[in-house]
Protein backbone atom coordinates (compact mmCIF):
# COMPACT_ATOMS: atom_id res chain seq x y z
CA MET A 1 0.11 0.19 -0.03
CA GLU A 2 1.53 3.35 -1.46
CA LEU A 3 -0.47 5.32 0.53
CA SER A 4 -3.25 5.95 3.75
CA VAL A 5 -5.49 8.31 3.55
CA ILE A 6 -6.41 9.43 7.41
CA ILE A 7 -9.82 11.56 7.77
CA VAL A 8 -10.95 12.99 11.01
CA SER A 9 -14.30 14.09 11.32
CA TRP A 10 -17.03 15.35 13.74
CA ASN A 11 -20.51 16.22 12.79
CA VAL A 12 -19.95 17.13 9.19
CA ARG A 13 -21.71 14.12 7.47
CA GLU A 14 -22.87 16.08 3.82
CA LEU A 15 -19.03 17.14 3.67
CA LEU A 16 -17.62 14.29 4.65
CA ALA A 17 -19.36 12.28 2.11
CA ARG A 18 -18.55 14.74 -0.58
CA CYS A 19 -14.88 14.38 0.52
CA LEU A 20 -15.10 10.36 0.29
CA THR A 21 -17.04 10.72 -3.09
CA SER A 22 -14.02 12.53 -4.46
CA LEU A 23 -11.69 10.18 -3.42
CA ALA A 24 -13.93 7.11 -5.14
CA GLU A 25 -14.71 9.16 -8.12
CA THR A 26 -11.49 11.17 -9.13
CA LYS A 27 -8.51 9.31 -11.05
CA GLN A 28 -5.73 8.26 -8.90
CA ASP A 29 -3.11 5.61 -10.41
CA ILE A 30 -1.89 4.76 -7.04
CA GLN A 31 -2.81 2.14 -4.57
CA PHE A 32 -4.80 3.97 -1.20
CA GLU A 33 -6.46 3.21 1.54
CA ILE A 34 -9.12 5.18 3.61
CA ILE A 35 -9.71 4.89 7.43
CA VAL A 36 -12.40 7.78 8.62
CA VAL A 37 -11.62 8.09 12.63
CA ASP A 38 -15.39 9.82 14.23
CA ASN A 39 -15.08 12.02 16.89
CA ALA A 40 -18.22 10.93 18.74
CA SER A 41 -20.49 12.76 16.38
CA ALA A 42 -24.10 12.67 16.84
CA ASP A 43 -25.25 13.07 13.18
CA GLN A 44 -24.91 9.55 12.06
CA SER A 45 -21.88 10.32 10.16
CA ALA A 46 -19.86 6.72 10.88
CA ALA A 47 -22.98 4.85 9.94
CA MET A 48 -23.45 6.90 6.25
CA VAL A 49 -19.60 5.47 5.57
CA ARG A 50 -20.57 2.35 6.31
CA GLU A 51 -23.45 2.21 3.92
CA ARG A 52 -22.42 4.42 1.55
CA PHE A 53 -18.79 3.69 1.43
CA SER A 54 -17.96 -0.03 2.26
CA HIS A 55 -14.48 0.19 0.99
CA VAL A 56 -13.56 3.02 3.97
CA THR A 57 -12.63 1.32 7.36
CA VAL A 58 -14.56 3.40 9.81
CA ILE A 59 -12.97 3.80 13.82
CA GLU A 60 -15.73 4.96 15.94
CA ASN A 61 -14.30 7.36 19.08
CA GLN A 62 -16.85 7.24 22.24
CA ASP A 63 -15.53 11.07 22.75
CA ASN A 64 -14.30 13.34 20.83
CA LEU A 65 -10.44 13.41 21.28
CA GLY A 66 -9.35 16.20 19.46
CA PHE A 67 -7.48 15.89 15.77
CA GLY A 68 -4.21 15.08 16.70
CA LYS A 69 -5.31 11.74 18.78
CA ALA A 70 -7.88 10.88 16.77
CA ASN A 71 -5.30 10.97 13.90
CA ASN A 72 -3.10 8.98 15.94
CA ILE A 73 -5.59 6.20 16.30
CA GLY A 74 -6.13 6.30 12.47
CA VAL A 75 -2.50 5.93 11.98
CA GLN A 76 -1.94 2.07 14.32
CA GLN A 77 -4.66 0.79 11.57
CA ALA A 78 -2.63 2.08 8.59
CA SER A 79 -0.48 0.81 6.28
CA GLY A 80 0.75 3.10 3.58
CA LYS A 81 4.54 4.07 3.10
CA PHE A 82 2.74 7.45 3.21
CA VAL A 83 0.09 9.01 5.67
CA LEU A 84 -2.01 11.78 4.48
CA PHE A 85 -3.90 13.85 6.84
CA LEU A 86 -7.02 15.46 5.26
CA ASN A 87 -9.56 17.25 6.23
CA ASP A 88 -13.50 15.99 6.05
CA ASP A 89 -14.40 19.10 4.29
CA THR A 90 -12.04 18.85 1.45
CA GLU A 91 -12.50 17.54 -1.75
CA VAL A 92 -9.11 16.17 -4.25
CA PHE A 93 -8.64 16.34 -8.03
CA ASP A 94 -7.58 14.04 -10.29
CA HIS A 95 -4.14 12.74 -10.05
CA THR A 96 -3.71 14.98 -6.25
CA LEU A 97 -2.38 11.57 -4.59
CA ASP A 98 -0.20 10.48 -7.29
CA ALA A 99 1.74 13.67 -8.06
CA CYS A 100 2.21 13.98 -4.32
CA VAL A 101 2.82 10.18 -3.46
CA ALA A 102 5.76 10.75 -6.60
CA TYR A 103 6.85 13.80 -5.34
CA MET A 104 7.96 12.52 -1.96
CA GLN A 105 9.56 9.39 -3.42
CA THR A 106 11.91 11.49 -5.65
CA HIS A 107 12.57 13.79 -2.82
CA GLU A 108 13.44 11.63 0.37
CA THR A 109 14.56 14.77 2.33
CA VAL A 110 10.76 16.17 2.60
CA GLY A 111 9.61 15.17 5.58
CA VAL A 112 6.03 17.47 5.77
CA LEU A 113 3.92 18.00 1.87
CA GLY A 114 1.18 20.75 1.86
CA CYS A 115 -0.57 21.19 -1.39
CA SER A 116 -2.63 24.25 -3.20
CA ILE A 117 -5.49 24.54 -1.43
CA LYS A 118 -8.69 26.13 -3.28
CA ASN A 119 -11.77 28.06 -1.71
CA PRO A 120 -14.86 26.46 -2.94
CA ASP A 121 -15.35 29.45 -5.44
CA GLY A 122 -11.97 28.55 -6.68
CA SER A 123 -9.56 31.29 -5.22
CA GLN A 124 -6.27 30.77 -3.45
CA GLN A 125 -6.76 29.89 -0.10
CA PRO A 126 -3.74 30.65 2.15
CA SER A 127 -2.01 27.69 3.51
CA VAL A 128 1.37 28.29 4.54
CA ARG A 129 2.50 30.31 7.65
CA SER A 130 5.94 31.09 9.31
CA ALA A 131 7.19 29.70 12.14
CA PRO A 132 5.27 31.34 15.38
CA THR A 133 7.21 34.07 17.31
CA LEU A 134 6.24 35.90 20.36
CA TYR A 135 5.95 38.68 18.37
CA SER A 136 3.51 37.42 15.45
CA GLN A 137 1.47 35.76 18.56
CA LEU A 138 1.27 38.92 20.77
CA VAL A 139 -0.55 40.48 17.72
CA VAL A 140 -2.75 37.37 17.61
CA LEU A 141 -3.84 37.26 21.18
CA SER A 142 -4.09 41.60 21.37
CA LYS A 143 -6.78 41.25 18.58
CA VAL A 144 -5.05 44.22 16.75
CA TYR A 145 -4.63 42.15 13.47
CA ASN A 146 -8.11 42.84 12.99
CA PHE A 147 -7.28 46.81 12.65
CA PHE A 148 -3.80 46.57 11.26
CA PRO A 149 -3.56 43.13 9.00
CA GLN A 150 -0.36 44.07 7.79
CA LEU A 151 1.06 43.30 11.40
CA LEU A 152 0.97 39.59 10.73
CA ARG A 153 2.12 40.08 7.01
CA GLN A 154 5.36 37.94 7.47
CA TYR A 155 3.67 35.39 9.86
CA ARG A 156 0.85 34.51 7.35
CA MET A 157 3.09 34.98 4.23
CA LEU A 158 0.85 37.53 2.69
CA GLY A 159 3.24 37.99 -0.03
CA PHE A 160 3.55 34.05 -0.74
CA ASP A 161 3.79 32.55 -4.48
CA TYR A 162 1.55 30.01 -4.13
CA THR A 163 2.23 29.06 -7.90
CA THR A 164 5.46 27.91 -7.27
CA THR A 165 7.09 24.91 -5.16
CA GLN A 166 9.35 25.91 -2.27
CA PRO A 167 10.27 24.99 1.17
CA VAL A 168 8.46 26.88 4.34
CA ASP A 169 8.21 26.36 7.93
CA GLU A 170 4.40 25.34 8.14
CA VAL A 171 1.32 24.17 6.12
CA MET A 172 -2.19 23.88 6.70
CA GLY A 173 -3.19 20.97 8.22
CA ALA A 174 -6.14 20.33 5.92
CA PHE A 175 -4.03 18.87 3.72
CA PHE A 176 -0.67 17.20 5.50
CA MET A 177 1.07 14.17 3.96
CA MET A 178 4.20 12.39 5.88
CA PRO A 179 6.23 9.07 5.56
CA ARG A 180 4.97 6.81 8.23
CA GLN A 181 8.32 5.99 8.84
CA LEU A 182 9.18 9.40 10.01
CA PHE A 183 5.85 9.94 11.75
CA ASP A 184 6.33 7.15 13.66
CA GLU A 185 9.91 8.39 14.51
CA LEU A 186 8.76 11.35 15.60
CA GLY A 187 5.74 9.77 18.22
CA GLY A 188 2.97 11.32 15.88
CA PHE A 189 1.07 14.30 17.02
CA ASP A 190 1.37 15.49 20.06
CA GLU A 191 -1.82 14.56 21.92
CA HIS A 192 -1.28 17.61 24.69
CA PHE A 193 -3.13 19.47 21.57
CA PHE A 194 -6.71 19.34 21.13
CA VAL A 195 -6.71 21.32 18.56
CA TRP A 196 -4.90 23.97 16.57
CA PHE A 197 -0.86 23.86 16.61
CA GLU A 198 -0.73 20.04 16.54
CA GLU A 199 0.44 20.31 12.74
CA THR A 200 2.82 23.59 13.54
CA ASP A 201 4.29 21.61 16.47
CA LEU A 202 4.87 18.43 14.29
CA ALA A 203 6.12 20.61 11.67
CA THR A 204 8.40 22.10 13.67
CA ARG A 205 9.74 18.77 15.22
CA VAL A 206 10.11 17.42 11.51
CA ARG A 207 12.60 20.45 10.70
CA ALA A 208 14.57 19.82 13.94
CA ALA A 209 15.30 16.25 13.00
CA GLY A 210 16.62 17.93 9.66
CA LYS A 211 13.79 17.41 6.91
CA SER A 212 12.31 19.66 5.11
CA VAL A 213 8.64 20.98 4.71
CA VAL A 214 7.23 21.89 1.45
CA TYR A 215 4.62 23.41 -0.56
CA PHE A 216 3.61 21.78 -3.18
CA ALA A 217 2.20 23.81 -6.31
CA ASP A 218 1.27 21.31 -8.69
CA ALA A 219 -1.44 19.44 -6.56
CA HIS A 220 -5.15 21.14 -5.77
CA ILE A 221 -7.69 20.25 -2.86
CA ILE A 222 -10.66 22.09 -2.24
CA HIS A 223 -11.12 23.34 1.38
CA ALA A 224 -14.69 23.92 2.78
CA ARG A 225 -12.38 25.31 5.89
CA GLY A 226 -13.34 25.19 9.43
CA ALA A 227 -16.63 23.38 9.36
CA SER A 228 -16.32 21.37 12.25
CA PHE A 229 -15.27 23.95 14.98
CA ALA A 230 -17.34 26.42 13.69
CA GLN A 231 -19.91 24.65 15.53
CA HIS A 232 -18.18 26.06 18.67
CA LYS A 233 -18.76 28.69 20.33
CA THR A 234 -16.29 32.39 19.75
CA VAL A 235 -15.04 32.18 23.21
CA ALA A 236 -14.62 27.95 23.61
CA LYS A 237 -12.54 28.24 20.32
CA GLN A 238 -10.76 31.25 21.79
CA ARG A 239 -9.89 29.14 24.88
CA MET A 240 -8.94 25.89 23.06
CA PHE A 241 -6.87 28.40 20.42
CA ASN A 242 -5.02 29.97 23.39
CA THR A 243 -4.13 26.70 25.39
CA SER A 244 -2.86 25.02 22.63
CA MET A 245 -0.44 28.48 22.04
CA VAL A 246 0.46 28.19 25.52
CA TYR A 247 2.02 24.67 25.37
CA TYR A 248 3.63 25.24 21.86
CA PHE A 249 5.32 27.79 23.18
CA LYS A 250 6.13 25.60 26.30
CA LYS A 251 7.66 22.88 24.18
CA HIS A 252 9.33 25.09 21.78
CA ALA A 253 10.22 28.60 23.08
CA SER A 254 11.99 30.47 26.07
CA TYR A 255 10.81 30.25 29.45
CA GLY A 256 10.63 34.41 29.39
CA ALA A 257 8.22 33.92 26.25
CA PHE A 258 6.31 31.06 27.40
CA VAL A 259 5.41 32.96 30.96
CA ILE A 260 4.83 36.50 28.66
CA ILE A 261 2.28 34.27 26.24
CA TRP A 262 0.50 32.63 29.20
CA LEU A 263 -0.33 35.93 30.96
CA LEU A 264 -1.61 37.16 27.51
CA SER A 265 -3.35 34.75 26.64
CA TRP A 266 -5.83 35.04 29.46
CA ILE A 267 -6.14 39.16 28.33
CA GLY A 268 -7.07 37.44 24.69
CA LEU A 269 -9.68 35.54 26.15
CA LEU A 270 -11.08 38.26 27.83
CA LEU A 271 -11.05 40.44 24.20
CA ALA A 272 -12.33 37.61 22.58
CA ALA A 273 -15.67 37.25 24.93
CA VAL A 274 -15.71 41.50 24.13
CA LEU A 275 -15.32 40.93 20.68
CA ALA A 276 -18.08 38.07 20.64
CA LEU A 277 -20.79 40.30 22.43
CA VAL A 278 -19.99 43.08 20.10
CA ARG A 279 -20.46 40.99 17.01
CA ARG A 280 -23.37 39.50 18.50
CA ILE A 281 -25.02 42.94 19.35
CA ILE A 282 -24.65 44.08 15.91
CA HIS A 283 -24.57 41.09 13.55
CA VAL A 284 -21.12 40.82 12.50
CA PRO A 285 -19.78 37.53 11.57
CA ALA A 286 -17.11 35.81 13.90
CA SER A 287 -13.57 34.63 12.53
CA ARG A 288 -10.29 33.48 13.95
């Protein structure tokens, strides 16, 4: 088996069905398996997969275990030389998987491969970022980027050329391909991250191990973006995001940077609550 596609899903049955349909109906020459790990969905997602996609392996968790831990469970059942962590709200194009596996087979120093991600309307979706720094995350926590987005120009790679394959610090976890052996050697996803920063942490460890993270421009997917976690309320999402950020800095930054992020994470949570209240009053859609 050349590739194992692992999809963690939570309460997005129809989007999951669309994702699995695209994997079944698009042209792919390689041999691959699909493993869906359902995080205790209440919308009968697992039953739908069993009924409509009998070739797919389904793992049902009794609780929502988060993104990283659920993916680790999926990898335990995988047999592919490469593993692809694919979001449940994505759709692949013809030969997307073929092109990515071929690239990794001929570039053995690549530890993580991401691809070009399109919005449902066909426009380019930003999917690469620089490694988090104290400065960038202070801007994120303070929410001032809502008024001055250029403050995050470097972190969000606003001038990135998505037409060119190139090394990057981090690719979006919506499409995150790795050699299975390297994934195992690094211990997989750190299960202390419930959601957010888990792929950032793994990409950081990949680069520390001497491998590269690469954005691959010659393969494409569609991504609806954030469908599962859009179901959480703004303050709850901010709490999860802040918790993950603090833990990332505890692992990868100086003690001083960690303490600053920990202190300001509480201010960020308060600001999120205030912004949520303001949006509710003036009916402005929430954004992360």
